[in-house]
Amino acid sequence: MRRGSLEGHYDLVILDAKSHFRLEVQDMKAQAPWDKYLRLINIDVAIEIKLWLNRLSPDNMVKRAEWDIQKLTDTPNKIQNSYFLNFVQLDFRHEQNKTYYKQLREYLIKQKQNWPNLNILCVSSDSKL
């Protein structure tokens, strides 16, 4: 679903039922442009899912995460509940992958402080981490 000023789609959304069942939305023709429909609908839940399969440079890691964070926190999108789910699947027998995971977690914790309404989860494929 595309919303706001960003040219992107959410991975998963749940539409707000009250805005979806408003008369002006229900009276729309099937051929009506999507943009008009999307402006009238509020998003109850938006979810972005990120799968980290390899290490990136710190700059690329930040760019990759910031895109999703911006979509979830952009004010015009009127999201009631936003979730940024991060799943890290690396070979944690190597110390550099553990370090990378820790850096990613620290970055996401900082983002959580910047965006208190953004729910962030970061899960490692190694349960000991």
Foldseek 3Di string as FASTA:
>chain_A
DDFDPDPDDFPDFDWDPVQCPDPVNVPDDPPDDVVVNQQSIATAETEHEEEAEDFDPPVVLCVVVVSQVCVQPVVRNRYNAYEYEYEYEYDVVDVVSVVRLVVSVVVVVVVCVVPVRYHYYYYYPDVVD
